[in-house]
Amino acid sequence: MTDISPSLTILARAKVNLYLHVAAPDSKNYHPLQSLVMFADVGDKVALRPKSVAEAPRLTCDGPFADGVPTDDSNLILKAVRRFETVTGVNIDRHDIHLTKNLPVASGLGGGSADAGAVLQLLRAHYAPDMTDGALEAIAATTGADGAMCLWAQPALAEGYGERLTKLSLPAVPAVLINPGIACSTPAVYGQYDRLGQFAPIEAIAPFRSIINIDQLLHALSETRNDLEAPAVHLHPQIGDLLTSLGDEPETRMARLSGSGATCFALCDTLNDAHSLAERLIEKYPQTWVRACTLS
């Protein structure tokens, strides 16, 4: 196996939707939304592996959630590579790409978009160092609605269909992520959301641009919601059971579903609280995926 220089490996950080307001589908049958996103210090790892033969890059995958991850052109990583080649005119032929899949699949953590954003960061560094941020973001946006936000992995207010970003300065927040071990289909959750037909205004009242500490953030979040939580729970009742259990834990300041699920999160006061909660959840729910982390 080829040795990997640290400079050729990057963490594809998990995305967490602290709130997610979703409007009724518009004339294009898309859902305008507003969401506050932060990124965890846990995630998949993406690496460029140097090779001696100049040829198209192959994608390989390992890790606890590698089973079922496609390694052909349907993977967002390779879609991002092809788009990068088209835009830059550069052949990506000196490296293969390796993904260590640490995040559950279809988990509401933006894993595929984060992986694509990570590989774009590596490709720019090694093949097109003069490419502007704007040009790189335009490529990331072609990978999906979460593409641009996952490229930068910075706290942001996302609007439009998720592509319109306002970067924010927010305090770091200790948290616990927990996934019940089910794949939660985003199209299925949106379909159930439309069937429920309970659409509310998506503009948040809280002043997220002026938050300086965790208490202010939690107070602001108390005025928000995740509109996909109810439909996700309808499809997968175990998500509701998990959220109820999380809310009863002493370290939990707030518990909510991330994105369309099935990963839930608990926000805590301190990292010690987060680790204590994570350890107890692992004992209580041994079949789940649990990680203590910091959102920043």
Protein backbone atom coordinates (compact mmCIF):
# COMPACT_ATOMS: atom_id res chain seq x y z
CA MET A 1 0.00 0.00 0.00
CA THR A 2 1.28 3.45 -0.92
CA ASP A 3 2.27 5.63 2.01
CA ILE A 4 0.09 8.73 2.28
CA SER A 5 1.61 12.09 3.05
CA PRO A 6 -0.44 14.01 5.63
CA SER A 7 -0.80 16.80 3.07
CA LEU A 8 -2.71 14.39 0.80
CA THR A 9 -5.40 13.52 3.34
CA ILE A 10 -8.32 15.65 4.49
CA LEU A 11 -11.22 15.24 6.92
CA ALA A 12 -14.65 15.50 5.29
CA ARG A 13 -16.45 16.97 8.29
CA ALA A 14 -19.99 15.92 9.18
CA LYS A 15 -22.63 18.59 8.57
CA VAL A 16 -25.25 19.20 11.26
CA ASN A 17 -28.42 21.19 10.61
CA LEU A 18 -29.11 22.97 13.90
CA TYR A 19 -32.43 24.01 12.44
CA LEU A 20 -34.11 23.37 9.10
CA HIS A 21 -37.15 25.32 7.92
CA VAL A 22 -38.65 23.97 4.69
CA ALA A 23 -41.25 25.71 2.53
CA ALA A 24 -43.85 24.12 0.30
CA PRO A 25 -42.55 23.01 -3.11
CA ASP A 26 -42.34 25.86 -5.62
CA SER A 27 -43.11 25.94 -9.34
CA LYS A 28 -39.94 23.89 -10.01
CA ASN A 29 -41.10 21.31 -7.45
CA TYR A 30 -38.13 22.24 -5.25
CA HIS A 31 -38.38 23.21 -1.59
CA PRO A 32 -36.96 26.62 -0.62
CA LEU A 33 -35.38 26.38 2.81
CA GLN A 34 -33.51 28.14 5.55
CA SER A 35 -31.05 26.30 7.77
CA LEU A 36 -28.26 26.96 10.23
CA VAL A 37 -25.40 24.55 9.63
CA MET A 38 -22.31 23.79 11.67
CA PHE A 39 -19.65 21.13 11.14
CA ALA A 40 -18.31 18.49 13.49
CA ASP A 41 -14.70 17.52 14.07
CA VAL A 42 -15.60 13.97 13.02
CA GLY A 43 -16.24 12.67 9.52
CA ASP A 44 -15.02 10.63 6.58
CA LYS A 45 -11.42 10.85 5.38
CA VAL A 46 -10.48 11.44 1.74
CA ALA A 47 -6.97 10.83 0.44
CA LEU A 48 -5.10 11.23 -2.84
CA ARG A 49 -2.79 8.25 -3.36
CA PRO A 50 0.13 8.90 -5.71
CA LYS A 51 0.72 6.37 -8.48
CA SER A 52 3.41 5.83 -11.08
CA VAL A 53 1.15 5.19 -14.09
CA ALA A 54 -0.71 8.16 -15.58
CA GLU A 55 -4.31 7.01 -15.89
CA ALA A 56 -7.80 7.99 -14.77
CA PRO A 57 -8.18 7.90 -10.99
CA ARG A 58 -9.81 4.94 -9.31
CA LEU A 59 -11.89 5.28 -6.17
CA THR A 60 -11.39 2.77 -3.37
CA CYS A 61 -13.21 2.65 -0.07
CA ASP A 62 -12.81 1.15 3.38
CA GLY A 63 -14.03 1.96 6.86
CA PRO A 64 -16.95 0.87 9.06
CA PHE A 65 -19.59 2.04 6.56
CA ALA A 66 -17.85 1.10 3.30
CA ASP A 67 -20.37 -1.62 2.40
CA GLY A 68 -22.72 -0.39 -0.28
CA VAL A 69 -20.75 2.78 -1.10
CA PRO A 70 -20.46 2.94 -4.90
CA THR A 71 -16.96 3.36 -6.31
CA ASP A 72 -18.08 4.08 -9.88
CA ASP A 73 -19.03 7.39 -11.48
CA SER A 74 -22.28 7.52 -9.48
CA ASN A 75 -20.24 8.48 -6.41
CA LEU A 76 -20.19 12.25 -5.79
CA ILE A 77 -16.41 12.12 -5.35
CA LEU A 78 -15.87 11.01 -8.93
CA LYS A 79 -18.56 13.37 -10.18
CA ALA A 80 -16.60 16.19 -8.55
CA VAL A 81 -13.37 14.94 -10.14
CA ARG A 82 -14.94 14.85 -13.63
CA ARG A 83 -16.34 18.35 -13.21
CA PHE A 84 -12.97 19.63 -11.96
CA GLU A 85 -11.28 18.16 -15.03
CA THR A 86 -13.84 19.77 -17.34
CA VAL A 87 -13.53 23.22 -15.78
CA THR A 88 -9.73 23.27 -15.45
CA GLY A 89 -8.76 21.23 -18.49
CA VAL A 90 -6.40 19.29 -16.23
CA ASN A 91 -6.28 15.49 -16.29
CA ILE A 92 -6.36 14.00 -12.80
CA ASP A 93 -3.99 11.17 -13.63
CA ARG A 94 -1.28 11.18 -10.96
CA HIS A 95 -3.42 9.96 -8.05
CA ASP A 96 -6.06 7.48 -7.10
CA ILE A 97 -8.64 8.47 -4.50
CA HIS A 98 -9.32 6.61 -1.28
CA LEU A 99 -12.33 7.13 0.97
CA THR A 100 -12.46 5.97 4.57
CA LYS A 101 -16.19 5.92 5.24
CA ASN A 102 -16.62 6.69 8.95
CA LEU A 103 -20.09 8.28 8.77
CA PRO A 104 -23.26 6.23 8.38
CA VAL A 105 -24.79 6.31 4.89
CA ALA A 106 -28.02 8.29 4.33
CA SER A 107 -27.66 9.76 7.82
CA GLY A 108 -28.47 13.46 7.41
CA LEU A 109 -24.83 14.46 7.92
CA GLY A 110 -24.03 15.50 4.36
CA GLY A 111 -21.45 12.73 3.98
CA GLY A 112 -21.47 12.46 0.18
CA SER A 113 -21.32 16.24 -0.31
CA ALA A 114 -18.62 16.54 2.34
CA ASP A 115 -16.58 13.84 0.58
CA ALA A 116 -16.93 15.68 -2.74
CA GLY A 117 -15.92 18.97 -1.14
CA ALA A 118 -12.90 17.35 0.48
CA VAL A 119 -11.63 15.91 -2.79
CA LEU A 120 -12.08 19.29 -4.49
CA GLN A 121 -9.93 20.91 -1.81
CA LEU A 122 -7.20 18.33 -2.44
CA LEU A 123 -7.44 18.61 -6.22
CA ARG A 124 -7.07 22.38 -6.14
CA ALA A 125 -4.06 22.15 -3.84
CA HIS A 126 -2.24 19.64 -6.05
CA TYR A 127 -3.48 20.34 -9.59
CA ALA A 128 -4.72 23.95 -9.77
CA PRO A 129 -3.33 25.99 -6.85
CA ASP A 130 -4.23 29.29 -8.55
CA MET A 131 -7.95 28.46 -8.79
CA THR A 132 -10.08 31.02 -6.95
CA ASP A 133 -12.45 30.17 -4.14
CA GLY A 134 -15.35 31.25 -6.32
CA ALA A 135 -14.40 28.88 -9.12
CA LEU A 136 -13.99 25.99 -6.70
CA GLU A 137 -17.34 26.75 -5.06
CA ALA A 138 -19.03 26.77 -8.46
CA ILE A 139 -17.77 23.24 -9.08
CA ALA A 140 -18.90 22.11 -5.62
CA ALA A 141 -22.37 23.53 -6.25
CA THR A 142 -22.81 21.17 -9.20
CA THR A 143 -22.59 18.15 -6.86
CA GLY A 144 -25.86 19.04 -5.08
CA ALA A 145 -27.62 21.54 -2.83
CA ASP A 146 -25.18 20.86 0.04
CA GLY A 147 -22.12 21.07 -2.20
CA ALA A 148 -21.00 24.63 -1.51
CA MET A 149 -21.65 24.57 2.23
CA CYS A 150 -19.82 21.26 2.68
CA LEU A 151 -16.88 22.52 0.62
CA TRP A 152 -16.06 25.20 3.19
CA ALA A 153 -17.37 23.35 6.27
CA GLN A 154 -17.93 26.63 8.13
CA PRO A 155 -20.94 27.79 10.17
CA ALA A 156 -23.44 29.33 7.78
CA LEU A 157 -27.01 30.33 7.23
CA ALA A 158 -28.17 28.45 4.13
CA GLU A 159 -31.07 29.77 2.06
CA GLY A 160 -32.60 29.29 -1.37
CA TYR A 161 -32.27 25.59 -2.04
CA GLY A 162 -29.23 25.48 0.25
CA GLU A 163 -26.85 27.14 -2.20
CA ARG A 164 -27.12 30.72 -0.90
CA LEU A 165 -24.77 30.97 2.07
CA THR A 166 -24.12 33.62 4.69
CA LYS A 167 -21.06 32.67 6.72
CA LEU A 168 -21.44 33.23 10.45
CA SER A 169 -19.14 33.49 13.45
CA LEU A 170 -20.57 31.20 16.12
CA PRO A 171 -19.17 29.76 19.37
CA ALA A 172 -17.94 26.17 19.31
CA VAL A 173 -20.56 23.82 20.72
CA PRO A 174 -19.94 20.41 22.36
CA ALA A 175 -22.35 17.82 20.98
CA VAL A 176 -23.18 14.15 20.65
CA LEU A 177 -24.25 12.58 17.38
CA ILE A 178 -26.26 9.35 17.43
CA ASN A 179 -27.58 7.32 14.52
CA PRO A 180 -29.99 4.43 15.16
CA GLY A 181 -28.52 2.34 12.36
CA ILE A 182 -31.14 2.98 9.71
CA ALA A 183 -30.78 4.59 6.29
CA CYS A 184 -33.23 7.49 6.03
CA SER A 185 -34.15 8.29 2.43
CA THR A 186 -34.21 12.05 1.82
CA PRO A 187 -36.76 11.78 -1.05
CA ALA A 188 -39.03 9.62 1.12
CA VAL A 189 -38.88 12.11 4.00
CA TYR A 190 -39.64 15.05 1.71
CA GLY A 191 -42.49 13.06 0.18
CA GLN A 192 -44.00 12.47 3.61
CA TYR A 193 -43.48 16.15 4.46
CA ASP A 194 -45.50 17.16 1.40
CA ARG A 195 -48.23 14.69 2.26
CA LEU A 196 -48.52 16.14 5.76
CA GLY A 197 -48.87 19.61 4.19
CA GLN A 198 -47.98 21.51 7.36
CA PHE A 199 -45.97 24.35 5.85
CA ALA A 200 -44.87 27.29 8.01
CA PRO A 201 -42.88 30.48 7.30
CA ILE A 202 -39.21 29.65 6.89
CA GLU A 203 -37.65 32.96 7.98
CA ALA A 204 -36.10 32.57 11.44
CA ILE A 205 -36.79 35.32 13.95
CA ALA A 206 -33.66 34.73 16.04
CA PRO A 207 -30.61 37.00 15.46
CA PHE A 208 -28.01 34.35 14.62
CA ARG A 209 -25.60 36.96 13.29
CA SER A 210 -24.93 38.39 16.76
CA ILE A 211 -24.52 35.28 18.93
CA ILE A 212 -21.40 35.16 21.11
CA ASN A 213 -21.97 32.25 23.53
CA ILE A 214 -23.69 28.88 23.82
CA ASP A 215 -26.57 30.17 25.97
CA GLN A 216 -27.47 32.76 23.33
CA LEU A 217 -27.27 30.13 20.62
CA LEU A 218 -29.53 27.74 22.52
CA HIS A 219 -32.04 30.51 23.20
CA ALA A 220 -32.11 31.41 19.51
CA LEU A 221 -32.50 27.77 18.48
CA SER A 222 -35.49 27.43 20.83
CA GLU A 223 -37.37 29.66 18.39
CA THR A 224 -36.63 27.32 15.45
CA ARG A 225 -37.50 23.79 14.33
CA ASN A 226 -36.60 20.99 11.95
CA ASP A 227 -39.55 20.68 9.60
CA LEU A 228 -38.38 17.25 8.44
CA GLU A 229 -38.36 15.80 11.94
CA ALA A 230 -42.06 14.90 12.05
CA PRO A 231 -42.11 13.17 8.66
CA ALA A 232 -38.88 11.30 9.46
CA VAL A 233 -40.35 10.10 12.76
CA HIS A 234 -43.55 9.07 10.95
CA LEU A 235 -41.49 6.87 8.62
CA HIS A 236 -39.09 5.66 11.32
CA PRO A 237 -40.67 5.78 14.81
CA GLN A 238 -37.38 4.72 16.42
CA ILE A 239 -36.07 8.22 15.64
CA GLY A 240 -38.79 9.67 17.85
CA ASP A 241 -37.94 7.22 20.63
CA LEU A 242 -34.29 8.23 20.41
CA LEU A 243 -35.09 11.95 20.51
CA THR A 244 -37.27 11.46 23.58
CA SER A 245 -34.50 9.52 25.31
CA LEU A 246 -31.89 12.14 24.39
CA GLY A 247 -34.08 14.92 25.75
CA ASP A 248 -34.28 13.16 29.11
CA GLU A 249 -30.51 12.97 29.59
CA PRO A 250 -29.08 15.46 32.13
CA GLU A 251 -26.27 16.68 29.85
CA THR A 252 -28.60 17.48 26.95
CA ARG A 253 -29.39 21.17 26.48
CA MET A 254 -31.25 20.54 23.22
CA ALA A 255 -31.97 17.43 21.13
CA ARG A 256 -33.03 17.48 17.50
CA LEU A 257 -32.83 15.59 14.21
CA SER A 258 -30.16 16.67 11.71
CA GLY A 259 -31.39 17.22 8.17
CA SER A 260 -33.71 14.49 6.93
CA GLY A 261 -32.24 12.00 9.44
CA ALA A 262 -31.68 9.55 10.78
CA THR A 263 -28.85 11.07 12.86
CA CYS A 264 -29.95 12.97 15.96
CA PHE A 265 -27.82 15.36 17.99
CA ALA A 266 -27.67 16.63 21.54
CA LEU A 267 -26.02 19.95 22.37
CA CYS A 268 -24.13 20.10 25.68
CA ASP A 269 -22.45 22.71 27.86
CA THR A 270 -18.98 21.14 27.92
CA LEU A 271 -16.99 18.53 26.04
CA ASN A 272 -16.78 16.49 29.25
CA ASP A 273 -20.59 16.45 29.32
CA ALA A 274 -20.65 15.32 25.70
CA HIS A 275 -18.21 12.47 26.36
CA SER A 276 -20.15 11.37 29.45
CA LEU A 277 -23.39 11.37 27.50
CA ALA A 278 -21.83 9.49 24.58
CA GLU A 279 -20.44 6.79 26.87
CA ARG A 280 -23.84 6.27 28.46
CA LEU A 281 -25.61 6.17 25.10
CA ILE A 282 -23.19 3.53 23.81
CA GLU A 283 -24.05 1.36 26.82
CA LYS A 284 -27.78 2.03 26.48
CA TYR A 285 -27.96 1.63 22.70
CA PRO A 286 -25.11 -0.73 21.70
CA GLN A 287 -26.38 -1.08 18.11
CA THR A 288 -26.22 2.64 17.39
CA TRP A 289 -23.42 4.84 16.05
CA VAL A 290 -22.44 7.44 18.66
CA ARG A 291 -19.79 10.16 18.61
CA ALA A 292 -18.96 12.99 21.00
CA CYS A 293 -17.69 15.97 19.02
CA THR A 294 -17.36 19.72 18.79
CA LEU A 295 -19.40 21.71 16.30
CA SER A 296 -17.56 24.73 14.97
